[in-house]
Amino acid sequence: MKRPTAFLAPILIAATQTLSGCSDAPDRASAQVASRAEIDQGVRGLLDSWVTAFASRDLNDVRSILAADDRFVWLEDGEARYQSAEAVVAALASFPVDLAFTYRLENIQIVPVSNDMAWARMSHETEIREGGVIVSEFSGVVSMLVERNGARWRIVVAHTSNSSHPRPGG
């Protein structure tokens, strides 16, 4: 009679290879392992770049921060609002040039998924001003799946859930 462990061994080996990468992958022991602090620093740098690019409406910087392939999607309030980096750039470019954006991220938590992928979750506050007067403000939560390719981190998937606030004086 076979022992139960003999039956389970091939399944456990297959599961381990699936979770850690395929068996044909290069030896992971020789690959450099990023520390949690390095991943945190890299993702926070990405988020700082995102805030700066968004607030300054630098379309090239916005484009460079978002994944350029068909994996990219930004979900917002229950729908796939932007299905490409170009859709985000086009939406930002469509606002009148005299509008000023202030975008703040707070309570940032970063959870490494691997050396080259992390999940970030945070709260946000956004103000849109025209001539120094707030014309819109809203806040909510954001979660992002970000990926590093070489030295550069990019947003692959994001989800925003907003809650509106009344305009001042309105």
N, C-alpha and C. Protein backbone atom coordinates (compact mmCIF):
# COMPACT_ATOMS: atom_id res chain seq x y z
N MET A 1 0.83 -1.17 0.00
CA MET A 1 0.00 0.00 0.00
C MET A 1 0.89 1.25 0.00
N LYS A 2 0.53 2.21 -0.85
CA LYS A 2 1.29 3.46 -0.92
C LYS A 2 0.92 4.35 0.25
N ARG A 3 1.93 5.03 0.74
CA ARG A 3 1.68 5.99 1.81
C ARG A 3 1.08 7.26 1.22
N PRO A 4 0.19 7.97 1.96
CA PRO A 4 -0.42 9.20 1.45
C PRO A 4 0.61 10.24 1.07
N THR A 5 1.74 10.29 1.77
CA THR A 5 2.74 11.30 1.45
C THR A 5 3.37 11.04 0.09
N ALA A 6 3.50 9.78 -0.31
CA ALA A 6 4.05 9.47 -1.63
C ALA A 6 3.12 9.97 -2.73
N PHE A 7 1.84 9.91 -2.50
CA PHE A 7 0.86 10.40 -3.47
C PHE A 7 0.86 11.93 -3.54
N LEU A 8 1.03 12.59 -2.39
CA LEU A 8 0.96 14.04 -2.33
C LEU A 8 2.24 14.72 -2.81
N ALA A 9 3.37 14.05 -2.76
CA ALA A 9 4.65 14.67 -3.11
C ALA A 9 4.64 15.29 -4.51
N PRO A 10 4.21 14.57 -5.57
CA PRO A 10 4.22 15.20 -6.90
C PRO A 10 3.29 16.42 -6.97
N ILE A 11 2.17 16.39 -6.26
CA ILE A 11 1.25 17.52 -6.27
C ILE A 11 1.89 18.72 -5.58
N LEU A 12 2.54 18.49 -4.45
CA LEU A 12 3.20 19.58 -3.74
C LEU A 12 4.34 20.16 -4.55
N ILE A 13 5.10 19.31 -5.24
CA ILE A 13 6.19 19.81 -6.08
C ILE A 13 5.64 20.66 -7.21
N ALA A 14 4.58 20.19 -7.87
CA ALA A 14 3.97 20.96 -8.96
C ALA A 14 3.44 22.29 -8.45
N ALA A 15 2.78 22.30 -7.30
CA ALA A 15 2.24 23.54 -6.74
C ALA A 15 3.36 24.51 -6.40
N THR A 16 4.45 24.01 -5.84
CA THR A 16 5.59 24.86 -5.50
C THR A 16 6.19 25.48 -6.75
N GLN A 17 6.32 24.69 -7.81
CA GLN A 17 6.86 25.23 -9.06
C GLN A 17 5.93 26.26 -9.67
N THR A 18 4.63 26.05 -9.56
CA THR A 18 3.66 27.01 -10.10
C THR A 18 3.72 28.32 -9.33
N LEU A 19 3.80 28.24 -8.01
CA LEU A 19 3.81 29.45 -7.20
C LEU A 19 5.12 30.20 -7.27
N SER A 20 6.22 29.49 -7.46
CA SER A 20 7.52 30.16 -7.47
C SER A 20 8.03 30.42 -8.88
N GLY A 21 7.30 30.01 -9.89
CA GLY A 21 7.73 30.17 -11.26
C GLY A 21 7.93 28.81 -11.88
N CYS A 22 8.00 28.75 -13.17
CA CYS A 22 8.11 27.45 -13.83
C CYS A 22 9.47 26.83 -13.56
N SER A 23 9.54 25.53 -13.71
CA SER A 23 10.77 24.82 -13.39
C SER A 23 11.88 25.15 -14.37
N ASP A 24 11.57 25.71 -15.53
CA ASP A 24 12.59 26.09 -16.51
C ASP A 24 13.20 27.45 -16.19
N ALA A 25 12.67 28.14 -15.19
CA ALA A 25 13.13 29.49 -14.87
C ALA A 25 14.57 29.43 -14.37
N PRO A 26 15.30 30.55 -14.53
CA PRO A 26 16.67 30.59 -14.01
C PRO A 26 16.65 30.35 -12.51
N ASP A 27 17.78 29.92 -12.01
CA ASP A 27 17.91 29.64 -10.58
C ASP A 27 17.61 30.91 -9.79
N ARG A 28 16.51 30.88 -9.02
CA ARG A 28 16.09 32.06 -8.27
C ARG A 28 17.02 32.36 -7.10
N ALA A 29 17.74 31.36 -6.63
CA ALA A 29 18.65 31.59 -5.52
C ALA A 29 19.77 32.53 -5.94
N SER A 30 20.13 32.50 -7.23
CA SER A 30 21.21 33.37 -7.69
C SER A 30 20.69 34.75 -8.08
N ALA A 31 19.38 34.90 -8.23
CA ALA A 31 18.82 36.20 -8.58
C ALA A 31 18.80 37.09 -7.34
N GLN A 32 19.02 38.37 -7.55
CA GLN A 32 19.01 39.30 -6.43
C GLN A 32 17.56 39.49 -5.95
N VAL A 33 17.37 39.42 -4.67
CA VAL A 33 16.06 39.59 -4.08
C VAL A 33 15.94 41.02 -3.56
N ALA A 34 14.91 41.71 -4.02
CA ALA A 34 14.69 43.08 -3.57
C ALA A 34 14.14 43.05 -2.15
N SER A 35 14.61 43.97 -1.35
CA SER A 35 14.10 44.05 0.01
C SER A 35 12.76 44.78 0.00
N ARG A 36 12.01 44.56 1.05
CA ARG A 36 10.72 45.25 1.20
C ARG A 36 10.93 46.77 1.16
N ALA A 37 12.01 47.25 1.76
CA ALA A 37 12.30 48.69 1.78
C ALA A 37 12.58 49.22 0.37
N GLU A 38 13.32 48.43 -0.43
CA GLU A 38 13.61 48.85 -1.81
C GLU A 38 12.33 48.94 -2.64
N ILE A 39 11.46 47.95 -2.48
CA ILE A 39 10.19 47.97 -3.21
C ILE A 39 9.34 49.15 -2.75
N ASP A 40 9.26 49.35 -1.45
CA ASP A 40 8.50 50.47 -0.89
C ASP A 40 9.01 51.80 -1.44
N GLN A 41 10.33 51.97 -1.44
CA GLN A 41 10.93 53.21 -1.94
C GLN A 41 10.63 53.40 -3.43
N GLY A 42 10.74 52.35 -4.21
CA GLY A 42 10.47 52.44 -5.64
C GLY A 42 9.02 52.78 -5.95
N VAL A 43 8.10 52.14 -5.24
CA VAL A 43 6.68 52.40 -5.48
C VAL A 43 6.30 53.80 -5.01
N ARG A 44 6.84 54.23 -3.86
CA ARG A 44 6.57 55.59 -3.39
C ARG A 44 7.11 56.63 -4.38
N GLY A 45 8.25 56.34 -4.97
CA GLY A 45 8.80 57.22 -6.01
C GLY A 45 7.86 57.30 -7.21
N LEU A 46 7.31 56.16 -7.60
CA LEU A 46 6.34 56.13 -8.70
C LEU A 46 5.12 56.98 -8.34
N LEU A 47 4.60 56.82 -7.13
CA LEU A 47 3.42 57.57 -6.71
C LEU A 47 3.70 59.07 -6.67
N ASP A 48 4.89 59.45 -6.19
CA ASP A 48 5.27 60.87 -6.20
C ASP A 48 5.33 61.40 -7.63
N SER A 49 5.88 60.61 -8.54
CA SER A 49 5.95 61.02 -9.95
C SER A 49 4.55 61.15 -10.54
N TRP A 50 3.65 60.24 -10.15
CA TRP A 50 2.27 60.28 -10.64
C TRP A 50 1.59 61.58 -10.18
N VAL A 51 1.72 61.91 -8.91
CA VAL A 51 1.09 63.12 -8.37
C VAL A 51 1.63 64.35 -9.10
N THR A 52 2.94 64.42 -9.28
CA THR A 52 3.56 65.56 -9.96
C THR A 52 3.11 65.66 -11.41
N ALA A 53 3.12 64.53 -12.12
CA ALA A 53 2.73 64.53 -13.53
C ALA A 53 1.26 64.90 -13.69
N PHE A 54 0.40 64.37 -12.82
CA PHE A 54 -1.03 64.66 -12.89
C PHE A 54 -1.29 66.14 -12.59
N ALA A 55 -0.71 66.65 -11.49
CA ALA A 55 -0.95 68.04 -11.09
C ALA A 55 -0.41 69.03 -12.11
N SER A 56 0.72 68.71 -12.71
CA SER A 56 1.31 69.61 -13.71
C SER A 56 0.74 69.38 -15.11
N ARG A 57 -0.04 68.32 -15.23
CA ARG A 57 -0.66 67.93 -16.50
C ARG A 57 0.40 67.71 -17.58
N ASP A 58 1.49 67.10 -17.16
CA ASP A 58 2.56 66.74 -18.09
C ASP A 58 2.17 65.42 -18.75
N LEU A 59 1.62 65.53 -19.94
CA LEU A 59 1.05 64.36 -20.62
C LEU A 59 2.09 63.29 -20.93
N ASN A 60 3.31 63.70 -21.27
CA ASN A 60 4.35 62.71 -21.55
C ASN A 60 4.74 61.95 -20.29
N ASP A 61 4.83 62.67 -19.16
CA ASP A 61 5.15 61.99 -17.91
C ASP A 61 4.01 61.07 -17.48
N VAL A 62 2.76 61.53 -17.63
CA VAL A 62 1.61 60.68 -17.30
C VAL A 62 1.68 59.40 -18.12
N ARG A 63 1.89 59.54 -19.42
CA ARG A 63 1.97 58.39 -20.32
C ARG A 63 3.08 57.44 -19.90
N SER A 64 4.23 57.97 -19.50
CA SER A 64 5.38 57.12 -19.17
C SER A 64 5.19 56.36 -17.85
N ILE A 65 4.28 56.80 -17.01
CA ILE A 65 4.05 56.17 -15.71
C ILE A 65 3.07 55.00 -15.83
N LEU A 66 2.28 55.00 -16.88
CA LEU A 66 1.25 53.97 -17.06
C LEU A 66 1.75 52.87 -17.99
N ALA A 67 1.38 51.63 -17.71
CA ALA A 67 1.77 50.52 -18.58
C ALA A 67 1.24 50.78 -19.98
N ALA A 68 2.08 50.54 -20.96
CA ALA A 68 1.73 50.87 -22.34
C ALA A 68 1.07 49.72 -23.08
N ASP A 69 0.93 48.57 -22.44
CA ASP A 69 0.36 47.43 -23.15
C ASP A 69 -1.11 47.23 -22.81
N ASP A 70 -1.69 46.17 -23.36
CA ASP A 70 -3.14 45.96 -23.22
C ASP A 70 -3.56 45.44 -21.84
N ARG A 71 -2.62 45.28 -20.93
CA ARG A 71 -2.99 44.90 -19.56
C ARG A 71 -3.52 46.09 -18.78
N PHE A 72 -3.18 47.30 -19.20
CA PHE A 72 -3.54 48.48 -18.43
C PHE A 72 -5.06 48.70 -18.42
N VAL A 73 -5.57 49.00 -17.24
CA VAL A 73 -6.96 49.43 -17.09
C VAL A 73 -7.06 50.25 -15.81
N TRP A 74 -7.88 51.29 -15.85
CA TRP A 74 -8.17 52.09 -14.66
C TRP A 74 -9.67 52.02 -14.43
N LEU A 75 -10.04 51.36 -13.35
CA LEU A 75 -11.44 51.21 -12.98
C LEU A 75 -11.82 52.38 -12.08
N GLU A 76 -13.00 52.92 -12.31
CA GLU A 76 -13.43 54.05 -11.49
C GLU A 76 -14.93 53.97 -11.29
N ASP A 77 -15.31 53.96 -10.03
CA ASP A 77 -16.72 53.99 -9.66
C ASP A 77 -17.56 52.95 -10.40
N GLY A 78 -17.06 51.72 -10.45
CA GLY A 78 -17.84 50.62 -10.98
C GLY A 78 -17.73 50.38 -12.47
N GLU A 79 -16.82 51.05 -13.16
CA GLU A 79 -16.67 50.80 -14.59
C GLU A 79 -15.21 50.88 -15.01
N ALA A 80 -14.90 50.26 -16.13
CA ALA A 80 -13.55 50.34 -16.70
C ALA A 80 -13.48 51.68 -17.44
N ARG A 81 -13.10 52.72 -16.71
CA ARG A 81 -13.15 54.09 -17.23
C ARG A 81 -12.09 54.32 -18.31
N TYR A 82 -10.87 53.85 -18.06
CA TYR A 82 -9.77 54.06 -19.01
C TYR A 82 -9.14 52.70 -19.30
N GLN A 83 -9.14 52.30 -20.56
CA GLN A 83 -8.64 50.98 -20.91
C GLN A 83 -7.28 51.03 -21.60
N SER A 84 -6.66 52.21 -21.56
CA SER A 84 -5.30 52.34 -22.09
C SER A 84 -4.67 53.59 -21.49
N ALA A 85 -3.36 53.64 -21.54
CA ALA A 85 -2.66 54.83 -21.08
C ALA A 85 -3.07 56.04 -21.93
N GLU A 86 -3.25 55.81 -23.22
CA GLU A 86 -3.65 56.91 -24.12
C GLU A 86 -5.02 57.48 -23.75
N ALA A 87 -5.92 56.64 -23.25
CA ALA A 87 -7.24 57.13 -22.82
C ALA A 87 -7.11 58.05 -21.61
N VAL A 88 -6.20 57.74 -20.70
CA VAL A 88 -5.96 58.61 -19.54
C VAL A 88 -5.38 59.94 -20.01
N VAL A 89 -4.41 59.88 -20.89
CA VAL A 89 -3.77 61.09 -21.43
C VAL A 89 -4.80 61.95 -22.16
N ALA A 90 -5.64 61.34 -22.98
CA ALA A 90 -6.66 62.09 -23.71
C ALA A 90 -7.65 62.76 -22.76
N ALA A 91 -8.05 62.06 -21.70
CA ALA A 91 -9.00 62.63 -20.75
C ALA A 91 -8.37 63.83 -20.03
N LEU A 92 -7.13 63.70 -19.60
CA LEU A 92 -6.46 64.81 -18.93
C LEU A 92 -6.27 65.99 -19.87
N ALA A 93 -5.94 65.71 -21.13
CA ALA A 93 -5.74 66.78 -22.12
C ALA A 93 -7.05 67.49 -22.47
N SER A 94 -8.18 66.85 -22.22
CA SER A 94 -9.46 67.45 -22.61
C SER A 94 -9.93 68.55 -21.66
N PHE A 95 -9.33 68.64 -20.47
CA PHE A 95 -9.72 69.69 -19.54
C PHE A 95 -9.21 71.04 -20.03
N PRO A 96 -9.98 72.11 -19.81
CA PRO A 96 -9.50 73.45 -20.18
C PRO A 96 -8.16 73.75 -19.51
N VAL A 97 -7.30 74.47 -20.22
CA VAL A 97 -5.95 74.73 -19.73
C VAL A 97 -5.91 75.60 -18.49
N ASP A 98 -6.97 76.36 -18.22
CA ASP A 98 -6.95 77.23 -17.05
C ASP A 98 -7.36 76.53 -15.76
N LEU A 99 -7.66 75.26 -15.82
CA LEU A 99 -7.96 74.51 -14.61
C LEU A 99 -6.66 74.04 -13.96
N ALA A 100 -6.61 74.15 -12.64
CA ALA A 100 -5.43 73.69 -11.89
C ALA A 100 -5.86 72.51 -11.01
N PHE A 101 -5.04 71.49 -10.99
CA PHE A 101 -5.33 70.28 -10.23
C PHE A 101 -4.41 70.18 -9.02
N THR A 102 -4.97 69.79 -7.91
CA THR A 102 -4.20 69.42 -6.73
C THR A 102 -4.62 68.00 -6.39
N TYR A 103 -3.65 67.13 -6.29
CA TYR A 103 -3.92 65.71 -6.08
C TYR A 103 -3.04 65.25 -4.93
N ARG A 104 -3.65 64.77 -3.86
CA ARG A 104 -2.90 64.31 -2.70
C ARG A 104 -3.20 62.83 -2.43
N LEU A 105 -2.14 62.10 -2.13
CA LEU A 105 -2.28 60.70 -1.73
C LEU A 105 -1.87 60.60 -0.27
N GLU A 106 -2.68 59.90 0.51
CA GLU A 106 -2.41 59.76 1.94
C GLU A 106 -2.62 58.32 2.36
N ASN A 107 -2.14 57.99 3.56
CA ASN A 107 -2.32 56.65 4.12
C ASN A 107 -1.86 55.55 3.15
N ILE A 108 -0.73 55.78 2.55
CA ILE A 108 -0.21 54.85 1.53
C ILE A 108 0.30 53.59 2.21
N GLN A 109 -0.17 52.46 1.71
CA GLN A 109 0.31 51.15 2.15
C GLN A 109 0.76 50.39 0.91
N ILE A 110 1.94 49.81 0.99
CA ILE A 110 2.50 49.08 -0.14
C ILE A 110 2.77 47.65 0.30
N VAL A 111 2.27 46.72 -0.49
CA VAL A 111 2.42 45.31 -0.20
C VAL A 111 3.16 44.66 -1.37
N PRO A 112 4.42 44.25 -1.16
CA PRO A 112 5.13 43.58 -2.24
C PRO A 112 4.45 42.25 -2.61
N VAL A 113 4.34 42.00 -3.89
CA VAL A 113 3.80 40.73 -4.39
C VAL A 113 4.96 39.86 -4.85
N SER A 114 5.96 40.49 -5.44
CA SER A 114 7.19 39.81 -5.87
C SER A 114 8.27 40.88 -5.93
N ASN A 115 9.45 40.53 -6.43
CA ASN A 115 10.51 41.53 -6.59
C ASN A 115 10.10 42.66 -7.52
N ASP A 116 9.23 42.35 -8.48
CA ASP A 116 8.90 43.30 -9.53
C ASP A 116 7.43 43.66 -9.59
N MET A 117 6.68 43.39 -8.53
CA MET A 117 5.26 43.72 -8.52
C MET A 117 4.83 44.04 -7.09
N ALA A 118 3.96 45.03 -6.97
CA ALA A 118 3.45 45.40 -5.65
C ALA A 118 2.03 45.90 -5.79
N TRP A 119 1.33 45.81 -4.69
CA TRP A 119 -0.01 46.34 -4.59
C TRP A 119 0.08 47.56 -3.68
N ALA A 120 -0.47 48.68 -4.13
CA ALA A 120 -0.47 49.91 -3.32
C ALA A 120 -1.92 50.31 -3.09
N ARG A 121 -2.21 50.70 -1.86
CA ARG A 121 -3.56 51.19 -1.55
C ARG A 121 -3.41 52.46 -0.73
N MET A 122 -4.32 53.40 -0.97
CA MET A 122 -4.19 54.71 -0.36
C MET A 122 -5.50 55.47 -0.46
N SER A 123 -5.57 56.59 0.24
CA SER A 123 -6.69 57.49 0.06
C SER A 123 -6.20 58.66 -0.79
N HIS A 124 -7.15 59.35 -1.43
CA HIS A 124 -6.77 60.50 -2.25
C HIS A 124 -7.74 61.64 -2.01
N GLU A 125 -7.24 62.83 -2.25
CA GLU A 125 -8.05 64.04 -2.27
C GLU A 125 -7.67 64.81 -3.52
N THR A 126 -8.67 65.24 -4.26
CA THR A 126 -8.45 65.96 -5.51
C THR A 126 -9.23 67.27 -5.46
N GLU A 127 -8.56 68.35 -5.82
CA GLU A 127 -9.21 69.65 -5.97
C GLU A 127 -8.95 70.15 -7.38
N ILE A 128 -9.97 70.72 -7.97
CA ILE A 128 -9.83 71.35 -9.28
C ILE A 128 -10.22 72.82 -9.09
N ARG A 129 -9.30 73.69 -9.46
CA ARG A 129 -9.51 75.13 -9.29
C ARG A 129 -9.54 75.83 -10.64
N GLU A 130 -10.34 76.87 -10.66
CA GLU A 130 -10.38 77.75 -11.84
C GLU A 130 -10.27 79.17 -11.32
N GLY A 131 -9.21 79.86 -11.72
CA GLY A 131 -8.99 81.21 -11.23
C GLY A 131 -8.86 81.27 -9.72
N GLY A 132 -8.27 80.27 -9.11
CA GLY A 132 -8.08 80.25 -7.67
C GLY A 132 -9.30 79.80 -6.87
N VAL A 133 -10.41 79.53 -7.53
CA VAL A 133 -11.64 79.10 -6.87
C VAL A 133 -11.83 77.60 -7.09
N ILE A 134 -12.11 76.88 -6.01
CA ILE A 134 -12.36 75.44 -6.14
C ILE A 134 -13.67 75.24 -6.87
N VAL A 135 -13.61 74.54 -8.01
CA VAL A 135 -14.83 74.24 -8.77
C VAL A 135 -15.26 72.80 -8.60
N SER A 136 -14.35 71.97 -8.11
CA SER A 136 -14.70 70.58 -7.84
C SER A 136 -13.69 70.02 -6.84
N GLU A 137 -14.19 69.21 -5.94
CA GLU A 137 -13.29 68.48 -5.05
C GLU A 137 -13.95 67.16 -4.71
N PHE A 138 -13.11 66.17 -4.59
CA PHE A 138 -13.61 64.84 -4.25
C PHE A 138 -12.48 64.05 -3.62
N SER A 139 -12.85 63.01 -2.93
CA SER A 139 -11.86 62.15 -2.30
C SER A 139 -12.34 60.72 -2.41
N GLY A 140 -11.51 59.82 -2.00
CA GLY A 140 -11.87 58.41 -2.05
C GLY A 140 -10.66 57.55 -1.78
N VAL A 141 -10.71 56.35 -2.31
CA VAL A 141 -9.62 55.40 -2.14
C VAL A 141 -9.13 54.95 -3.50
N VAL A 142 -7.87 54.58 -3.55
CA VAL A 142 -7.25 54.10 -4.77
C VAL A 142 -6.47 52.84 -4.43
N SER A 143 -6.54 51.85 -5.29
CA SER A 143 -5.65 50.70 -5.19
C SER A 143 -5.00 50.52 -6.55
N MET A 144 -3.75 50.11 -6.53
CA MET A 144 -2.99 49.96 -7.78
C MET A 144 -2.16 48.69 -7.73
N LEU A 145 -2.05 48.06 -8.88
CA LEU A 145 -1.08 47.00 -9.08
C LEU A 145 0.01 47.64 -9.93
N VAL A 146 1.22 47.65 -9.40
CA VAL A 146 2.34 48.28 -10.10
C VAL A 146 3.41 47.24 -10.39
N GLU A 147 4.14 47.48 -11.46
CA GLU A 147 5.13 46.50 -11.91
C GLU A 147 6.43 47.22 -12.25
N ARG A 148 7.53 46.56 -11.91
CA ARG A 148 8.85 47.10 -12.26
C ARG A 148 9.37 46.32 -13.45
N ASN A 149 9.85 47.08 -14.42
CA ASN A 149 10.52 46.50 -15.58
C ASN A 149 11.89 47.17 -15.63
N GLY A 150 12.90 46.44 -15.26
CA GLY A 150 14.22 47.04 -15.11
C GLY A 150 14.21 47.92 -13.87
N ALA A 151 14.59 49.18 -14.02
CA ALA A 151 14.61 50.10 -12.88
C ALA A 151 13.33 50.91 -12.78
N ARG A 152 12.43 50.78 -13.73
CA ARG A 152 11.25 51.65 -13.80
C ARG A 152 9.98 50.94 -13.33
N TRP A 153 9.25 51.59 -12.42
CA TRP A 153 7.96 51.11 -11.96
C TRP A 153 6.86 51.78 -12.79
N ARG A 154 5.80 51.02 -13.08
CA ARG A 154 4.65 51.56 -13.82
C ARG A 154 3.35 51.04 -13.23
N ILE A 155 2.30 51.81 -13.42
CA ILE A 155 0.97 51.41 -12.98
C ILE A 155 0.38 50.50 -14.06
N VAL A 156 -0.04 49.29 -13.67
CA VAL A 156 -0.62 48.34 -14.60
C VAL A 156 -2.15 48.35 -14.48
N VAL A 157 -2.63 48.33 -13.25
CA VAL A 157 -4.07 48.35 -12.98
C VAL A 157 -4.31 49.30 -11.82
N ALA A 158 -5.36 50.10 -11.93
CA ALA A 158 -5.74 50.96 -10.81
C ALA A 158 -7.25 50.93 -10.65
N HIS A 159 -7.68 51.16 -9.43
CA HIS A 159 -9.11 51.24 -9.14
C HIS A 159 -9.32 52.41 -8.19
N THR A 160 -10.21 53.31 -8.57
CA THR A 160 -10.55 54.46 -7.74
C THR A 160 -12.02 54.38 -7.37
N SER A 161 -12.29 54.60 -6.13
CA SER A 161 -13.67 54.71 -5.66
C SER A 161 -13.80 56.09 -5.01
N ASN A 162 -14.57 56.97 -5.63
CA ASN A 162 -14.69 58.35 -5.17
C ASN A 162 -15.96 58.58 -4.37
N SER A 163 -15.86 59.52 -3.46
CA SER A 163 -17.05 60.03 -2.79
C SER A 163 -17.00 61.55 -2.95
N SER A 164 -18.04 62.11 -3.55
CA SER A 164 -18.06 63.55 -3.85
C SER A 164 -18.31 64.37 -2.60
N HIS A 165 -17.80 65.58 -2.62
CA HIS A 165 -18.05 66.56 -1.58
C HIS A 165 -18.73 67.75 -2.22
N PRO A 166 -19.62 68.43 -1.52
CA PRO A 166 -20.22 69.62 -2.10
C PRO A 166 -19.16 70.70 -2.33
N ARG A 167 -19.36 71.50 -3.35
CA ARG A 167 -18.46 72.62 -3.61
C ARG A 167 -18.57 73.64 -2.49
N PRO A 168 -17.50 74.34 -2.18
CA PRO A 168 -17.57 75.37 -1.14
C PRO A 168 -18.65 76.40 -1.51
N GLY A 169 -19.44 76.76 -0.54
CA GLY A 169 -20.48 77.76 -0.76
C GLY A 169 -21.65 77.25 -1.57
N GLY A 170 -21.68 75.93 -1.86
CA GLY A 170 -22.72 75.43 -2.73
C GLY A 170 -23.54 74.35 -2.17
